[in-house]
C-alpha atoms as a PDB file:
ATOM      1  CA  MET A   1     -21.945  31.030  -1.022  1.00  0.00           C
ATOM      2  CA  SER A   2     -24.734  31.350   0.745  1.00  0.00           C
ATOM      3  CA  THR A   3     -24.256  32.518   4.312  1.00  0.00           C
ATOM      4  CA  ARG A   4     -24.546  29.418   7.187  1.00  0.00           C
ATOM      5  CA  THR A   5     -23.428  28.926  10.409  1.00  0.00           C
ATOM      6  CA  THR A   6     -20.630  26.653  11.194  1.00  0.00           C
ATOM      7  CA  ASN A   7     -22.852  23.958  11.786  1.00  0.00           C
ATOM      8  CA  GLN A   8     -24.282  24.190   8.346  1.00  0.00           C
ATOM      9  CA  LEU A   9     -21.089  24.109   6.355  1.00  0.00           C
ATOM     10  CA  LEU A  10     -20.954  20.757   4.388  1.00  0.00           C
ATOM     11  CA  VAL A  11     -17.906  19.023   3.199  1.00  0.00           C
ATOM     12  CA  LYS A  12     -19.277  18.852  -0.628  1.00  0.00           C
ATOM     13  CA  ASP A  13     -19.491  22.622  -0.389  1.00  0.00           C
ATOM     14  CA  PHE A  14     -15.493  23.136   0.297  1.00  0.00           C
ATOM     15  CA  MET A  15     -13.705  19.271  -1.129  1.00  0.00           C
ATOM     16  CA  SER A  16     -11.606  19.353  -3.747  1.00  0.00           C
ATOM     17  CA  ASN A  17     -13.455  17.673  -6.791  1.00  0.00           C
ATOM     18  CA  LYS A  18     -10.148  16.288  -8.236  1.00  0.00           C
ATOM     19  CA  VAL A  19      -8.657  13.100  -6.647  1.00  0.00           C
ATOM     20  CA  ILE A  20      -5.088  12.333  -7.556  1.00  0.00           C
ATOM     21  CA  SER A  21      -3.827   9.121  -6.515  1.00  0.00           C
ATOM     22  CA  ILE A  22      -0.866   6.996  -6.728  1.00  0.00           C
ATOM     23  CA  ASN A  23       0.366   3.784  -7.875  1.00  0.00           C
ATOM     24  CA  ASP A  24       2.680   1.577  -5.641  1.00  0.00           C
ATOM     25  CA  THR A  25       4.860   0.944  -8.300  1.00  0.00           C
ATOM     26  CA  ASP A  26       5.318   4.821  -8.748  1.00  0.00           C
ATOM     27  CA  SER A  27       8.922   6.159  -8.591  1.00  0.00           C
ATOM     28  CA  LEU A  28       9.485   8.891  -5.678  1.00  0.00           C
ATOM     29  CA  GLN A  29      11.220  10.822  -8.000  1.00  0.00           C
ATOM     30  CA  PHE A  30       7.366  10.725  -9.914  1.00  0.00           C
ATOM     31  CA  VAL A  31       5.734  11.510  -6.743  1.00  0.00           C
ATOM     32  CA  PHE A  32       7.867  14.098  -5.550  1.00  0.00           C
ATOM     33  CA  GLN A  33       6.997  15.923  -9.254  1.00  0.00           C
ATOM     34  CA  MET A  34       3.361  15.196  -8.901  1.00  0.00           C
ATOM     35  CA  PHE A  35       3.186  16.732  -5.337  1.00  0.00           C
ATOM     36  CA  GLU A  36       4.595  19.265  -6.729  1.00  0.00           C
ATOM     37  CA  ARG A  37       3.064  19.889  -9.691  1.00  0.00           C
ATOM     38  CA  CYS A  38      -0.446  19.540  -8.742  1.00  0.00           C
ATOM     39  CA  HIS A  39      -0.319  21.219  -5.332  1.00  0.00           C
ATOM     40  CA  ILE A  40      -0.931  18.883  -2.979  1.00  0.00           C
ATOM     41  CA  SER A  41       0.660  17.172  -0.014  1.00  0.00           C
ATOM     42  CA  GLY A  42      -0.869  13.758   0.049  1.00  0.00           C
ATOM     43  CA  ALA A  43      -2.611  11.078  -2.268  1.00  0.00           C
ATOM     44  CA  PRO A  44      -4.566   7.726  -2.158  1.00  0.00           C
ATOM     45  CA  ILE A  45      -1.729   4.982  -3.105  1.00  0.00           C
ATOM     46  CA  LEU A  46      -3.504   2.086  -5.172  1.00  0.00           C
ATOM     47  CA  SER A  47      -2.454  -1.319  -5.829  1.00  0.00           C
ATOM     48  CA  ALA A  48      -2.206  -2.886  -9.084  1.00  0.00           C
ATOM     49  CA  GLU A  49      -6.001  -3.948  -8.708  1.00  0.00           C
ATOM     50  CA  GLY A  50      -7.170  -0.639  -8.246  1.00  0.00           C
ATOM     51  CA  LYS A  51      -7.924  -0.931  -4.608  1.00  0.00           C
ATOM     52  CA  VAL A  52      -7.141   1.868  -1.765  1.00  0.00           C
ATOM     53  CA  ILE A  53      -3.692   0.087  -0.029  1.00  0.00           C
ATOM     54  CA  GLY A  54      -2.876   3.243   1.940  1.00  0.00           C
ATOM     55  CA  VAL A  55      -2.240   6.924   1.961  1.00  0.00           C
ATOM     56  CA  LEU A  56       1.015   8.597   1.148  1.00  0.00           C
ATOM     57  CA  SER A  57       1.949  12.606   2.224  1.00  0.00           C
ATOM     58  CA  LYS A  58       5.034  14.965   2.129  1.00  0.00           C
ATOM     59  CA  SER A  59       5.598  13.722   5.680  1.00  0.00           C
ATOM     60  CA  ASP A  60       6.127  10.353   4.928  1.00  0.00           C
ATOM     61  CA  LEU A  61       8.233  10.928   2.184  1.00  0.00           C
ATOM     62  CA  MET A  62      10.303  12.936   5.099  1.00  0.00           C
ATOM     63  CA  ASN A  63      10.771  10.131   7.454  1.00  0.00           C
ATOM     64  CA  ARG A  64      13.782   8.078   8.386  1.00  0.00           C
ATOM     65  CA  THR A  65      13.042   5.205   5.984  1.00  0.00           C
ATOM     66  CA  VAL A  66      13.255   7.008   3.327  1.00  0.00           C
ATOM     67  CA  VAL A  67      16.023   9.337   4.350  1.00  0.00           C
ATOM     68  CA  GLN A  68      18.130   6.471   4.850  1.00  0.00           C
ATOM     69  CA  LYS A  69      17.120   4.776   1.171  1.00  0.00           C
ATOM     70  CA  LEU A  70      18.097   8.338  -0.394  1.00  0.00           C
ATOM     71  CA  ARG A  71      21.502   8.001   1.444  1.00  0.00           C
ATOM     72  CA  GLU A  72      22.184   4.245  -0.213  1.00  0.00           C
ATOM     73  CA  THR A  73      20.967   5.001  -3.877  1.00  0.00           C
ATOM     74  CA  GLU A  74      20.912   8.383  -4.341  1.00  0.00           C
ATOM     75  CA  GLN A  75      18.504   7.800  -6.914  1.00  0.00           C
ATOM     76  CA  LEU A  76      14.898   8.694  -6.528  1.00  0.00           C
ATOM     77  CA  GLU A  77      13.668   6.845  -9.286  1.00  0.00           C
ATOM     78  CA  SER A  78      14.846   3.582  -8.433  1.00  0.00           C
ATOM     79  CA  ILE A  79      12.939   3.968  -5.192  1.00  0.00           C
ATOM     80  CA  THR A  80       9.129   3.136  -4.926  1.00  0.00           C
ATOM     81  CA  VAL A  81       6.196   3.909  -3.091  1.00  0.00           C
ATOM     82  CA  SER A  82       6.198   0.137  -1.578  1.00  0.00           C
ATOM     83  CA  ASP A  83       9.168   0.532  -1.060  1.00  0.00           C
ATOM     84  CA  ILE A  84       8.938   2.931   1.690  1.00  0.00           C
ATOM     85  CA  THR A  85       7.166   3.231   5.245  1.00  0.00           C
ATOM     86  CA  TYR A  86       3.620   5.745   4.610  1.00  0.00           C
ATOM     87  CA  SER A  87       0.001   4.739   6.300  1.00  0.00           C
ATOM     88  CA  LYS A  88      -1.194   1.239   5.560  1.00  0.00           C
ATOM     89  CA  ALA A  89      -4.680   2.312   8.171  1.00  0.00           C
ATOM     90  CA  PRO A  90      -8.140   2.150   6.253  1.00  0.00           C
ATOM     91  CA  VAL A  91      -8.417   5.937   4.789  1.00  0.00           C
ATOM     92  CA  ALA A  92     -11.082   8.015   6.275  1.00  0.00           C
ATOM     93  CA  VAL A  93     -14.087   8.780   4.325  1.00  0.00           C
ATOM     94  CA  VAL A  94     -16.797  10.952   4.680  1.00  0.00           C
ATOM     95  CA  ASP A  95     -20.275  11.402   2.717  1.00  0.00           C
ATOM     96  CA  PRO A  96     -20.520  14.915   1.272  1.00  0.00           C
ATOM     97  CA  GLU A  97     -23.311  15.620   3.172  1.00  0.00           C
ATOM     98  CA  MET A  98     -21.300  15.469   6.667  1.00  0.00           C
ATOM     99  CA  PRO A  99     -21.159  18.800   8.389  1.00  0.00           C
ATOM    100  CA  LEU A 100     -17.820  19.921   7.670  1.00  0.00           C
ATOM    101  CA  GLU A 101     -17.542  20.659  11.642  1.00  0.00           C
ATOM    102  CA  LYS A 102     -17.758  16.886  12.111  1.00  0.00           C
ATOM    103  CA  ALA A 103     -15.372  15.431   9.253  1.00  0.00           C
ATOM    104  CA  ALA A 104     -12.979  18.221  10.965  1.00  0.00           C
ATOM    105  CA  GLU A 105     -13.480  16.118  14.262  1.00  0.00           C
ATOM    106  CA  LEU A 106     -12.817  13.398  12.493  1.00  0.00           C
ATOM    107  CA  MET A 107      -9.639  14.598  11.107  1.00  0.00           C
ATOM    108  CA  VAL A 108      -8.328  15.930  14.829  1.00  0.00           C
ATOM    109  CA  GLU A 109      -9.110  12.529  16.135  1.00  0.00           C
ATOM    110  CA  LYS A 110      -7.485   9.871  13.985  1.00  0.00           C
ATOM    111  CA  GLN A 111      -4.088  12.676  13.803  1.00  0.00           C
ATOM    112  CA  ILE A 112      -4.774  13.130   9.511  1.00  0.00           C
ATOM    113  CA  HIS A 113      -4.516  15.963   7.344  1.00  0.00           C
ATOM    114  CA  ARG A 114      -7.238  14.743   4.539  1.00  0.00           C
ATOM    115  CA  VAL A 115     -10.321  12.706   4.641  1.00  0.00           C
ATOM    116  CA  PHE A 116     -11.595  10.968   1.080  1.00  0.00           C
ATOM    117  CA  VAL A 117     -15.388  12.327   0.120  1.00  0.00           C
ATOM    118  CA  ARG A 118     -17.562   8.811  -0.856  1.00  0.00           C
ATOM    119  CA  GLY A 119     -18.891   9.052  -4.506  1.00  0.00           C
ATOM    120  CA  GLU A 120     -20.888   6.730  -6.721  1.00  0.00           C
ATOM    121  CA  LYS A 121     -19.800   2.554  -6.712  1.00  0.00           C
ATOM    122  CA  GLY A 122     -17.258   2.941  -3.998  1.00  0.00           C
ATOM    123  CA  SER A 123     -15.021   5.921  -5.680  1.00  0.00           C
ATOM    124  CA  PHE A 124     -14.104   9.208  -4.370  1.00  0.00           C
ATOM    125  CA  SER A 125     -15.757  11.953  -5.334  1.00  0.00           C
ATOM    126  CA  GLY A 126     -13.083  14.203  -3.741  1.00  0.00           C
ATOM    127  CA  ILE A 127     -11.270  14.923  -0.805  1.00  0.00           C
ATOM    128  CA  LEU A 128     -11.236  17.436   1.780  1.00  0.00           C
ATOM    129  CA  SER A 129      -7.836  18.574   3.358  1.00  0.00           C
ATOM    130  CA  SER A 130      -7.136  20.514   6.740  1.00  0.00           C
ATOM    131  CA  PHE A 131      -6.050  23.718   4.769  1.00  0.00           C
ATOM    132  CA  ASP A 132      -9.625  23.061   2.729  1.00  0.00           C
ATOM    133  CA  VAL A 133     -11.354  23.248   6.150  1.00  0.00           C
ATOM    134  CA  MET A 134      -9.190  26.239   7.306  1.00  0.00           C
ATOM    135  CA  LYS A 135     -10.214  27.788   4.836  1.00  0.00           C
ATOM    136  CA  ALA A 136     -13.714  27.673   5.698  1.00  0.00           C
ATOM    137  CA  PHE A 137     -13.647  28.470   8.550  1.00  0.00           C
ATOM    138  CA  VAL A 138     -12.015  31.623   7.916  1.00  0.00           C
ATOM    139  CA  GLN A 139     -14.507  32.067   5.045  1.00  0.00           C
ATOM    140  CA  SER A 140     -17.727  31.533   7.568  1.00  0.00           C
ATOM    141  CA  GLY A 141     -16.174  33.895  10.072  1.00  0.00           C
ATOM    142  CA  GLN A 142     -15.139  37.066   7.391  1.00  0.00           C
ATOM    143  CA  GLU A 143     -19.254  36.188   6.214  1.00  0.00           C
ATOM    144  CA  LYS A 144     -20.336  36.263   9.933  1.00  0.00           C
ATOM    145  CA  SER A 145     -18.284  39.083  10.691  1.00  0.00           C
ATOM    146  CA  SER A 146     -19.645  41.548   7.187  1.00  0.00           C
ATOM    147  CA  SER A 147     -23.303  40.631   8.347  1.00  0.00           C
ATOM    148  CA  ARG A 148     -22.660  41.874  12.070  1.00  0.00           C
ATOM    149  CA  ASN A 149     -20.937  45.393  10.544  1.00  0.00           C
ATOM    150  CA  GLY A 150     -23.189  45.385   7.533  1.00  0.00           C
ATOM    151  CA  ALA A 151     -22.291  45.094   4.123  1.00  0.00           C
ATOM    152  CA  SER A 152     -21.117  48.499   3.409  1.00  0.00           C
ATOM    153  CA  SER A 153     -18.823  48.884   6.148  1.00  0.00           C
ATOM    154  CA  SER A 154     -14.996  49.225   5.642  1.00  0.00           C
ATOM    155  CA  LYS A 155     -12.740  46.567   6.614  1.00  0.00           C
ATOM    156  CA  THR A 156     -10.602  47.117   9.331  1.00  0.00           C
ATOM    157  CA  MET A 157      -7.782  45.791  11.236  1.00  0.00           C
ATOM    158  CA  THR A 158      -7.581  45.098  14.706  1.00  0.00           C
ATOM    159  CA  THR A 159      -4.239  44.234  15.853  1.00  0.00           C
ATOM    160  CA  VAL A 160      -3.684  43.295  19.770  1.00  0.00           C
ATOM    161  CA  GLY A 161      -0.706  42.799  22.054  1.00  0.00           C
ATOM    162  CA  ALA A 162       1.728  43.354  18.690  1.00  0.00           C
ATOM    163  CA  LYS A 163       5.122  44.984  18.686  1.00  0.00           C
ATOM    164  CA  LYS A 164       6.116  47.614  15.943  1.00  0.00           C
ATOM    165  CA  PHE A 165      10.247  47.185  15.360  1.00  0.00           C
END
């Protein structure tokens, strides 16, 4: 990766290119398994017509409605995505050329953990999560640090205010 300032970091450089979606008719058992298998914490929900109708996150799966339904049925396969409460607000969509800092500001403003990256013909070309943003800023900070200290300098760790037990 080339060294850029924080303002030059772009969404396209840090987004995940694979968008995994779920259907509103999928069972919660399927969703839980997919989230774990794919190592994701949320996904867009598609209607039968293929339109994005919301986003389901792991947090949504832990809300009171889901817990109550599980207590009533005790079977994940009998509860579908459409049976539970999830974010029906319009999904946040950004352009791949958007500065990463602006995407992060949007996520903070809307209190969301992911934005979808606009692709061709109304599709999504990727997803940018709050974790992707954190990784980008950490990498950027490390690149700045190594360029200030010289590429040949060894990495040192500084502990401030830590106590040894």
